[in-house]
Amino acid sequence: MKRKKAVRTDSLYVEKELETIQKRVAPFMKKSSIFSFVSIPLISFSFINLFILLFQVGITQELAVFTLLITIVGALGAALFKESIHYNKKALKVSMDYIVERISKSETMLEGAKENYLKKVHTQPIHVFTTFNEFLQHEERIKKM
């Protein structure tokens, strides 16, 4: 059975702009992915072992050092996870700044249209990439005229 290839509706113009954003955000996303990838196993390991120690075995004087080490591992995992969240926010801010700058500096769009897109970007940050895609398609249509 043959698989159909996904049809892309974005033009090369739109893809080029999205690649520009991706290049700016890539270092932050790479660090965020690494931190998340390391932190989740550390936190899981810590919770599982602390649960076993506290509710199954019980903490004795011999296990106190081991319990402390497990707690430190969990704290390290939590710190790495928080850092990954920080890098995600930084990546979003970098992409938002680029989008706002790109819309503001557009020479082909009318001021009213640019203001509408900027207002949409600021009031609906969840849909920022959809709005930017609409802006780029609109700009491309104007350039083709």
Protein backbone atom coordinates (compact mmCIF):
# COMPACT_ATOMS: atom_id res chain seq x y z
CA MET A 1 0.00 0.00 0.00
CA LYS A 2 1.48 3.33 -1.06
CA ARG A 3 1.60 6.22 1.33
CA LYS A 4 0.53 9.58 0.06
CA LYS A 5 2.90 12.44 0.60
CA ALA A 6 1.64 15.28 2.71
CA VAL A 7 0.76 18.29 0.61
CA ARG A 8 2.29 21.53 1.86
CA THR A 9 0.21 24.62 1.33
CA ASP A 10 2.89 27.08 2.43
CA SER A 11 4.81 28.82 -0.29
CA LEU A 12 8.59 29.06 -0.39
CA TYR A 13 8.29 32.63 0.84
CA VAL A 14 6.47 31.53 4.00
CA GLU A 15 8.77 28.56 4.51
CA LYS A 16 11.84 30.82 4.26
CA GLU A 17 10.50 33.09 7.01
CA LEU A 18 9.61 30.15 9.24
CA GLU A 19 13.12 28.72 8.73
CA THR A 20 14.54 32.07 9.84
CA ILE A 21 12.58 31.83 13.07
CA GLN A 22 13.64 28.21 13.50
CA LYS A 23 17.32 29.15 13.13
CA ARG A 24 16.99 31.84 15.79
CA VAL A 25 15.16 29.55 18.21
CA ALA A 26 17.17 26.35 17.59
CA PRO A 27 19.89 26.92 20.24
CA PHE A 28 17.29 27.51 22.96
CA MET A 29 15.20 24.51 21.96
CA LYS A 30 18.28 22.28 21.85
CA LYS A 31 19.24 23.23 25.41
CA SER A 32 15.65 22.89 26.58
CA SER A 33 15.36 19.42 25.07
CA ILE A 34 18.60 18.27 26.67
CA PHE A 35 17.61 19.59 30.09
CA SER A 36 14.15 18.00 29.85
CA PHE A 37 15.61 14.71 28.66
CA VAL A 38 17.97 14.58 31.65
CA SER A 39 15.64 16.01 34.30
CA ILE A 40 12.64 13.71 33.90
CA PRO A 41 14.57 10.47 34.62
CA LEU A 42 16.32 12.12 37.58
CA ILE A 43 13.03 13.25 39.10
CA SER A 44 11.39 9.88 38.44
CA PHE A 45 14.31 7.97 39.94
CA SER A 46 14.25 10.19 43.01
CA PHE A 47 10.49 9.91 43.60
CA ILE A 48 10.41 6.15 43.16
CA ASN A 49 13.34 5.55 45.49
CA LEU A 50 12.11 8.00 48.12
CA PHE A 51 8.68 6.37 48.05
CA ILE A 52 10.23 2.94 48.54
CA LEU A 53 12.48 4.20 51.33
CA LEU A 54 9.78 6.09 53.20
CA PHE A 55 6.86 3.69 52.91
CA GLN A 56 8.39 0.26 52.37
CA VAL A 57 11.78 0.11 54.07
CA GLY A 58 11.75 3.03 56.47
CA ILE A 59 14.60 5.42 57.07
CA THR A 60 17.31 4.10 59.32
CA GLN A 61 20.57 5.71 60.30
CA GLU A 62 22.44 3.66 57.67
CA LEU A 63 20.06 4.80 54.90
CA ALA A 64 20.09 8.49 55.87
CA VAL A 65 23.05 9.28 53.58
CA PHE A 66 21.42 7.38 50.71
CA THR A 67 18.17 9.26 51.33
CA LEU A 68 20.05 12.56 51.25
CA LEU A 69 21.71 11.61 47.94
CA ILE A 70 18.37 10.66 46.40
CA THR A 71 16.93 13.98 47.56
CA ILE A 72 19.84 15.87 45.99
CA VAL A 73 19.34 13.98 42.72
CA GLY A 74 15.65 14.96 42.76
CA ALA A 75 16.52 18.59 43.46
CA LEU A 76 19.00 18.57 40.57
CA GLY A 77 16.32 17.12 38.29
CA ALA A 78 13.83 19.78 39.38
CA ALA A 79 16.41 22.53 38.76
CA LEU A 80 17.15 21.19 35.28
CA PHE A 81 13.44 20.98 34.52
CA LYS A 82 12.94 24.57 35.62
CA GLU A 83 15.86 25.62 33.42
CA SER A 84 14.27 23.85 30.45
CA ILE A 85 11.07 25.82 31.05
CA HIS A 86 13.17 28.99 31.15
CA TYR A 87 14.72 28.14 27.75
CA ASN A 88 11.26 27.42 26.30
CA LYS A 89 10.08 30.86 27.40
CA LYS A 90 13.22 32.44 25.97
CA ALA A 91 12.64 30.70 22.63
CA LEU A 92 9.06 31.94 22.55
CA LYS A 93 10.19 35.48 23.34
CA VAL A 94 12.83 35.40 20.58
CA SER A 95 10.28 34.19 18.04
CA MET A 96 7.68 36.76 19.21
CA ASP A 97 10.25 39.57 18.97
CA TYR A 98 11.19 38.50 15.44
CA ILE A 99 7.56 38.28 14.36
CA VAL A 100 6.73 41.72 15.77
CA GLU A 101 9.84 43.21 14.17
CA ARG A 102 9.11 41.52 10.83
CA ILE A 103 5.51 42.75 10.75
CA SER A 104 6.52 46.26 11.81
CA LYS A 105 9.22 46.59 9.15
CA SER A 106 7.11 45.30 6.28
CA GLU A 107 7.20 47.79 3.43
CA THR A 108 4.49 46.21 1.29
CA MET A 109 1.68 46.21 3.85
CA LEU A 110 -0.46 49.20 4.71
CA GLU A 111 -0.07 50.64 8.22
CA GLY A 112 -3.63 49.67 9.17
CA ALA A 113 -3.10 46.05 8.20
CA LYS A 114 0.22 45.93 10.06
CA GLU A 115 -1.45 47.36 13.17
CA ASN A 116 -4.20 44.73 12.95
CA TYR A 117 -1.67 41.90 12.72
CA LEU A 118 0.41 43.35 15.58
CA LYS A 119 -2.71 43.71 17.71
CA LYS A 120 -3.61 40.08 16.97
CA VAL A 121 -0.10 38.94 17.91
CA HIS A 122 -0.21 40.78 21.24
CA THR A 123 -3.78 39.87 22.20
CA GLN A 124 -3.65 36.22 21.07
CA PRO A 125 -0.10 34.98 21.76
CA ILE A 126 -1.26 31.36 21.55
CA HIS A 127 -2.07 31.85 17.86
CA VAL A 128 1.07 33.86 17.05
CA PHE A 129 2.36 31.48 14.36
CA THR A 130 -1.03 31.21 12.69
CA THR A 131 -1.27 35.01 12.64
CA PHE A 132 2.27 35.29 11.27
CA ASN A 133 1.46 32.74 8.57
CA GLU A 134 -1.64 34.75 7.60
CA PHE A 135 0.48 37.92 7.51
CA LEU A 136 3.10 36.32 5.26
CA GLN A 137 0.49 34.95 2.87
CA HIS A 138 -1.20 38.37 2.74
CA GLU A 139 2.15 40.06 2.11
CA GLU A 140 3.00 37.58 -0.63
CA ARG A 141 -0.34 38.18 -2.37
CA ILE A 142 0.31 41.94 -2.30
CA LYS A 143 3.82 41.47 -3.74
CA LYS A 144 2.44 39.37 -6.60
CA MET A 145 0.01 42.11 -7.61
